[in-house]
């Protein structure tokens, strides 16, 4: 009985040791990434501030609408234009709607549009850039001329034209912003593909018979991902600002949708007597754009330290 118990104990100990070793092996890369991220945050406090703001806005957009106590569209004439208080920390608007609830719901709209638009831009621009860089010849020439035409027009002006033609709605606004922003991605991706494709080890791998899919995944994709990630992070803030601007002039969300630009447009008539109608959504826009800009600058310094060194030398 004692021999059987000792055998089971030894087997259990060996099993625990193996499981522990496997778990440590799996956790080691994550721990290294966390340590590298913490070191980056310590070395770049603005990036930490930007990441904190983006995380706060993201959590607000995901969970905030379920936590706020008031419906953003419910009107109550008895509490019209109430100043900020414990019951309404950001006050109420001219229809008695709680401003905090409307700003929180507006975060979900603005961040959702920014993510959708940036995803479309990244997808289209990366595809065009990869095809142009890999194909070369007349395909490259035709695609790059298309990119030049797109970049020849100021982005906001072109978005105004497209949104005006399509009509006033958030969906049309999203399409208008997606159409005008993919050219920069295509140009950067194409340049990266051409640069990496001329390197000796890539040429050797191609002559050795490495499949194109594996060649792209192993040698091209890591170099493409870094600049695309930086531009996409910065573009998120730009799209939030553009969405608010186009909605402010009536080409985006329509009342009573709680979109930040629309809220500023509705509140400007009461700027003197109820400044919180403009200050609350305006502050949300400023913080969101600032957070994405600080985070994007930090990612650029982290992913391309040589560029930062060149800038300091200049």
Protein backbone atom coordinates (compact mmCIF):
# COMPACT_ATOMS: atom_id res chain seq x y z
CA UNK A 1 0.00 0.00 0.00
CA UNK A 2 2.81 2.35 0.86
CA UNK A 3 4.71 1.49 -2.35
CA UNK A 4 1.60 2.28 -4.42
CA UNK A 5 1.13 5.57 -2.60
CA UNK A 6 4.78 6.53 -3.16
CA UNK A 7 4.45 5.70 -6.87
CA UNK A 8 1.37 7.89 -7.22
CA UNK A 9 3.10 10.72 -5.35
CA UNK A 10 6.13 10.55 -7.66
CA UNK A 11 3.87 10.48 -10.73
CA UNK A 12 1.88 13.46 -9.46
CA UNK A 13 5.04 15.45 -8.75
CA UNK A 14 6.41 14.74 -12.23
CA UNK A 15 3.10 15.76 -13.80
CA UNK A 16 3.05 19.02 -11.83
CA UNK A 17 6.63 19.80 -12.81
CA UNK A 18 5.92 19.23 -16.49
CA UNK A 19 2.75 21.32 -16.39
CA UNK A 20 4.59 24.09 -14.56
CA UNK A 21 7.45 24.06 -17.07
CA UNK A 22 5.01 24.23 -20.01
CA UNK A 23 3.05 27.07 -18.41
CA UNK A 24 6.24 29.00 -17.74
CA UNK A 25 7.35 28.46 -21.34
CA UNK A 26 4.00 29.76 -22.60
CA UNK A 27 3.97 32.71 -20.22
CA UNK A 28 7.59 33.77 -20.87
CA UNK A 29 6.90 35.58 -24.19
CA UNK A 30 3.95 37.42 -22.66
CA UNK A 31 5.99 38.41 -19.63
CA UNK A 32 8.75 39.69 -21.88
CA UNK A 33 6.22 41.73 -23.89
CA UNK A 34 4.71 43.14 -20.69
CA UNK A 35 8.15 44.03 -19.39
CA UNK A 36 9.03 45.70 -22.70
CA UNK A 37 5.75 47.62 -22.65
CA UNK A 38 6.32 48.80 -19.08
CA UNK A 39 9.84 49.92 -19.98
CA UNK A 40 8.48 51.82 -22.97
CA UNK A 41 5.89 53.53 -20.77
CA UNK A 42 8.55 54.55 -18.26
CA UNK A 43 10.74 55.93 -21.03
CA UNK A 44 7.88 57.70 -22.81
CA UNK A 45 5.39 59.25 -20.36
CA UNK A 46 3.35 60.99 -23.13
CA UNK A 47 2.70 57.59 -24.68
CA UNK A 48 1.50 56.32 -21.31
CA UNK A 49 -0.87 59.29 -21.02
CA UNK A 50 -2.16 58.68 -24.54
CA UNK A 51 -2.65 54.96 -23.90
CA UNK A 52 -4.54 55.76 -20.69
CA UNK A 53 -6.84 58.23 -22.45
CA UNK A 54 -7.50 55.80 -25.31
CA UNK A 55 -8.21 52.98 -22.85
CA UNK A 56 -10.61 55.21 -20.89
CA UNK A 57 -12.46 56.33 -24.02
CA UNK A 58 -12.59 52.75 -25.31
CA UNK A 59 -14.01 51.39 -22.07
CA UNK A 60 -16.52 54.23 -22.00
CA UNK A 61 -17.63 53.44 -25.55
CA UNK A 62 -18.03 49.72 -24.79
CA UNK A 63 -19.55 49.71 -21.31
CA UNK A 64 -20.66 53.30 -20.70
CA UNK A 65 -24.05 53.25 -22.48
CA UNK A 66 -25.17 50.36 -20.26
CA UNK A 67 -24.10 52.16 -17.08
CA UNK A 68 -25.48 55.69 -17.51
CA UNK A 69 -28.75 56.31 -15.64
CA UNK A 70 -30.65 58.25 -18.34
CA UNK A 71 -31.80 57.59 -21.88
CA UNK A 72 -29.95 60.02 -24.18
CA UNK A 73 -33.08 60.66 -26.27
CA UNK A 74 -35.66 61.08 -23.48
CA UNK A 75 -36.85 64.68 -23.21
CA UNK A 76 -38.03 66.39 -20.02
CA UNK A 77 -39.01 70.05 -20.25
CA UNK A 78 -38.96 70.45 -16.44
CA UNK A 79 -35.18 70.00 -16.26
CA UNK A 80 -34.28 72.03 -19.37
CA UNK A 81 -30.86 73.74 -19.33
CA UNK A 82 -29.98 72.71 -15.79
CA UNK A 83 -26.39 73.47 -14.82
CA UNK A 84 -24.05 70.62 -13.78
CA UNK A 85 -25.04 68.99 -10.49
CA UNK A 86 -24.81 65.67 -8.67
CA UNK A 87 -27.87 64.41 -10.51
CA UNK A 88 -26.56 65.63 -13.88
CA UNK A 89 -22.75 66.00 -13.71
CA UNK A 90 -22.59 67.60 -17.17
CA UNK A 91 -25.93 69.40 -16.94
CA UNK A 92 -28.89 69.04 -19.29
CA UNK A 93 -29.61 70.42 -22.75
CA UNK A 94 -32.47 72.56 -24.01
CA UNK A 95 -34.76 69.52 -24.14
CA UNK A 96 -33.91 68.33 -20.64
CA UNK A 97 -31.74 65.45 -21.84
CA UNK A 98 -28.83 64.40 -19.63
CA UNK A 99 -25.56 65.56 -21.20
CA UNK A 100 -23.42 62.89 -19.55
CA UNK A 101 -25.58 60.14 -21.04
CA UNK A 102 -25.42 61.76 -24.46
CA UNK A 103 -21.63 62.23 -24.34
CA UNK A 104 -21.13 58.61 -23.28
CA UNK A 105 -23.38 57.30 -26.06
CA UNK A 106 -21.58 59.63 -28.46
CA UNK A 107 -18.30 57.93 -27.58
CA UNK A 108 -19.62 54.63 -28.92
CA UNK A 109 -20.72 56.31 -32.17
CA UNK A 110 -17.48 58.24 -32.72
CA UNK A 111 -15.12 55.40 -31.81
CA UNK A 112 -17.18 52.92 -33.83
CA UNK A 113 -17.04 55.10 -36.93
CA UNK A 114 -13.30 55.73 -36.44
CA UNK A 115 -12.54 52.01 -36.19
CA UNK A 116 -14.72 51.12 -39.19
CA UNK A 117 -13.30 53.87 -41.40
CA UNK A 118 -9.69 53.14 -40.42
CA UNK A 119 -10.19 49.41 -41.04
CA UNK A 120 -11.47 50.09 -44.55
CA UNK A 121 -8.61 52.48 -45.25
CA UNK A 122 -6.00 50.01 -44.01
CA UNK A 123 -7.49 47.12 -45.98
CA UNK A 124 -7.85 48.97 -49.29
CA UNK A 125 -4.55 50.85 -49.01
CA UNK A 126 -2.54 47.77 -48.01
CA UNK A 127 -4.04 45.69 -50.82
CA UNK A 128 -3.33 48.37 -53.44
CA UNK A 129 0.20 48.93 -52.14
CA UNK A 130 1.08 45.24 -52.07
CA UNK A 131 -0.31 44.62 -55.57
CA UNK A 132 1.46 47.68 -56.99
CA UNK A 133 4.79 46.85 -55.39
CA UNK A 134 4.70 43.16 -56.25
CA UNK A 135 3.33 43.40 -59.79
CA UNK A 136 5.30 46.41 -61.05
CA UNK A 137 5.05 47.54 -64.66
CA UNK A 138 1.82 49.03 -65.95
CA UNK A 139 -0.14 47.71 -62.93
CA UNK A 140 2.09 49.69 -60.57
CA UNK A 141 1.88 52.76 -62.79
CA UNK A 142 -1.92 52.64 -63.04
CA UNK A 143 -2.48 52.10 -59.32
CA UNK A 144 -0.05 54.84 -58.30
CA UNK A 145 -1.68 57.33 -60.66
CA UNK A 146 -4.98 56.49 -58.97
CA UNK A 147 -3.35 57.13 -55.60
CA UNK A 148 -1.95 60.45 -56.87
CA UNK A 149 -5.42 61.53 -57.97
CA UNK A 150 -6.85 60.63 -54.58
CA UNK A 151 -4.08 62.46 -52.70
CA UNK A 152 -4.30 65.52 -54.96
CA UNK A 153 -7.53 66.61 -53.26
CA UNK A 154 -7.56 67.76 -49.62
CA UNK A 155 -9.10 64.90 -47.64
CA UNK A 156 -11.75 66.92 -45.83
CA UNK A 157 -12.83 68.76 -49.00
CA UNK A 158 -13.20 65.48 -50.88
CA UNK A 159 -15.12 63.99 -47.96
CA UNK A 160 -17.43 67.02 -48.02
CA UNK A 161 -18.14 66.45 -51.71
CA UNK A 162 -18.75 62.72 -51.33
CA UNK A 163 -20.93 63.15 -48.23
CA UNK A 164 -22.92 65.90 -49.93
CA UNK A 165 -23.58 63.70 -52.96
CA UNK A 166 -24.51 60.61 -50.94
CA UNK A 167 -26.77 62.43 -48.48
CA UNK A 168 -26.98 63.19 -44.78
CA UNK A 169 -26.48 60.07 -42.65
CA UNK A 170 -23.83 58.41 -40.53
CA UNK A 171 -23.46 55.57 -43.04
CA UNK A 172 -22.79 57.96 -45.90
CA UNK A 173 -20.41 59.93 -43.71
CA UNK A 174 -18.47 56.76 -42.93
CA UNK A 175 -18.26 55.87 -46.63
CA UNK A 176 -17.11 59.39 -47.50
CA UNK A 177 -14.30 59.30 -44.93
CA UNK A 178 -13.24 55.79 -45.97
CA UNK A 179 -12.98 56.76 -49.64
CA UNK A 180 -10.54 59.62 -49.08
CA UNK A 181 -7.95 58.18 -46.71
CA UNK A 182 -6.47 54.99 -48.16
CA UNK A 183 -3.92 56.56 -50.50
CA UNK A 184 -1.29 57.21 -47.83
CA UNK A 185 -1.38 53.56 -46.77
CA UNK A 186 -0.98 52.39 -50.38
CA UNK A 187 2.04 54.61 -50.99
CA UNK A 188 3.85 53.56 -47.80
CA UNK A 189 3.10 49.86 -48.30
CA UNK A 190 4.26 49.98 -51.92
CA UNK A 191 7.53 51.65 -50.92
CA UNK A 192 8.11 49.05 -48.21
CA UNK A 193 7.43 46.17 -50.59
CA UNK A 194 9.86 47.57 -53.16
CA UNK A 195 12.56 48.16 -50.54
CA UNK A 196 12.30 44.75 -48.90
CA UNK A 197 12.02 42.99 -52.27
CA UNK A 198 15.45 44.29 -53.31
CA UNK A 199 17.25 42.87 -50.27
CA UNK A 200 19.60 39.97 -50.85
CA UNK A 201 18.07 37.53 -48.37
CA UNK A 202 14.61 38.00 -49.89
CA UNK A 203 15.95 37.40 -53.40
CA UNK A 204 17.81 34.32 -52.18
CA UNK A 205 14.70 32.96 -50.47
CA UNK A 206 12.74 33.41 -53.70
CA UNK A 207 15.41 31.62 -55.76
CA UNK A 208 15.48 28.83 -53.19
CA UNK A 209 11.82 28.17 -53.95
CA UNK A 210 10.13 29.62 -50.86
CA UNK A 211 6.36 29.93 -51.50
CA UNK A 212 5.22 33.50 -52.06
CA UNK A 213 2.72 33.33 -49.22
CA UNK A 214 5.39 32.28 -46.73
CA UNK A 215 7.83 34.81 -48.15
CA UNK A 216 5.31 37.60 -47.71
CA UNK A 217 4.31 36.51 -44.21
CA UNK A 218 7.87 36.13 -42.97
CA UNK A 219 9.78 38.96 -44.65
CA UNK A 220 7.32 41.58 -45.88
CA UNK A 221 4.48 41.62 -43.36
CA UNK A 222 6.59 42.54 -40.28
CA UNK A 223 8.03 45.56 -42.10
CA UNK A 224 4.62 46.62 -43.41
CA UNK A 225 2.84 46.29 -40.07
CA UNK A 226 4.88 48.88 -38.15
CA UNK A 227 4.26 51.99 -40.29
CA UNK A 228 0.67 50.95 -40.99
CA UNK A 229 -0.01 50.60 -37.25
CA UNK A 230 1.40 54.05 -36.54
CA UNK A 231 -0.60 55.75 -39.32
CA UNK A 232 -3.76 53.89 -38.33
CA UNK A 233 -3.44 55.03 -34.71
CA UNK A 234 -3.01 58.64 -35.76
CA UNK A 235 -5.86 58.32 -38.27
CA UNK A 236 -8.26 57.19 -35.55
CA UNK A 237 -8.04 60.63 -33.96
CA UNK A 238 -8.29 62.33 -37.35
CA UNK A 239 -11.45 60.41 -38.20
CA UNK A 240 -13.04 61.29 -34.84
CA UNK A 241 -12.34 64.97 -35.53
CA UNK A 242 -13.56 64.77 -39.14
CA UNK A 243 -16.74 62.97 -38.09
CA UNK A 244 -17.51 65.68 -35.56
CA UNK A 245 -16.74 68.42 -38.09
CA UNK A 246 -18.94 67.01 -40.83
CA UNK A 247 -21.76 66.32 -38.38
CA UNK A 248 -21.42 69.90 -37.09
CA UNK A 249 -22.26 71.27 -40.54
CA UNK A 250 -25.15 68.83 -40.99
CA UNK A 251 -23.59 66.15 -43.23
CA UNK A 252 -23.35 63.42 -40.63
CA UNK A 253 -25.52 62.38 -37.72
CA UNK A 254 -28.92 64.02 -37.51
CA UNK A 255 -30.79 64.98 -34.30
CA UNK A 256 -31.57 63.44 -31.90
CA UNK A 257 -28.57 61.13 -32.46
CA UNK A 258 -26.07 61.83 -29.63
CA UNK A 259 -23.04 62.45 -31.82
CA UNK A 260 -20.42 64.88 -30.51
CA UNK A 261 -20.37 67.20 -33.54
CA UNK A 262 -24.16 67.35 -33.71
CA UNK A 263 -24.30 68.12 -29.98
CA UNK A 264 -21.93 71.07 -30.44
CA UNK A 265 -24.04 72.35 -33.35
CA UNK A 266 -27.22 72.15 -31.26
CA UNK A 267 -25.59 73.75 -28.23
CA UNK A 268 -23.92 76.72 -29.90
CA UNK A 269 -27.19 78.68 -29.77
CA UNK A 270 -27.04 78.54 -25.96
CA UNK A 271 -23.31 79.12 -25.60
CA UNK A 272 -23.68 82.14 -23.33
CA UNK A 273 -26.35 80.86 -20.97
CA UNK A 274 -25.44 77.16 -21.03
CA UNK A 275 -21.79 76.73 -22.04
CA UNK A 276 -21.75 73.10 -20.90
CA UNK A 277 -23.75 72.14 -23.98
CA UNK A 278 -20.62 72.85 -26.06
CA UNK A 279 -17.92 72.26 -23.47
CA UNK A 280 -18.88 68.64 -22.66
CA UNK A 281 -18.75 67.18 -26.20
CA UNK A 282 -15.90 69.52 -27.13
CA UNK A 283 -13.79 68.26 -24.24
CA UNK A 284 -14.57 64.67 -25.25
CA UNK A 285 -13.33 65.35 -28.79
CA UNK A 286 -10.16 67.08 -27.57
CA UNK A 287 -9.24 64.30 -25.14
CA UNK A 288 -9.93 61.55 -27.66
CA UNK A 289 -7.87 63.14 -30.44
CA UNK A 290 -5.08 63.99 -28.00
CA UNK A 291 -4.99 60.42 -26.71
CA UNK A 292 -4.68 58.90 -30.19
CA UNK A 293 -2.02 61.42 -31.22
CA UNK A 294 0.13 60.79 -28.14
CA UNK A 295 -0.25 57.04 -28.54
CA UNK A 296 0.60 57.20 -32.24
CA UNK A 297 3.71 59.30 -31.62
CA UNK A 298 4.81 56.86 -28.93
CA UNK A 299 4.29 53.88 -31.22
CA UNK A 300 6.32 55.59 -33.93
CA UNK A 301 9.21 56.13 -31.53
CA UNK A 302 8.92 52.55 -30.30
CA UNK A 303 8.62 50.85 -33.69
CA UNK A 304 10.99 53.10 -35.65
CA UNK A 305 13.72 54.41 -33.32
CA UNK A 306 15.96 55.23 -36.33
CA UNK A 307 13.41 57.76 -37.52
CA UNK A 308 13.41 59.44 -34.12
CA UNK A 309 17.23 59.55 -34.18
CA UNK A 310 17.18 61.18 -37.62
CA UNK A 311 14.68 63.77 -36.41
CA UNK A 312 16.84 64.60 -33.40
CA UNK A 313 19.92 64.99 -35.64
CA UNK A 314 18.05 67.42 -37.87
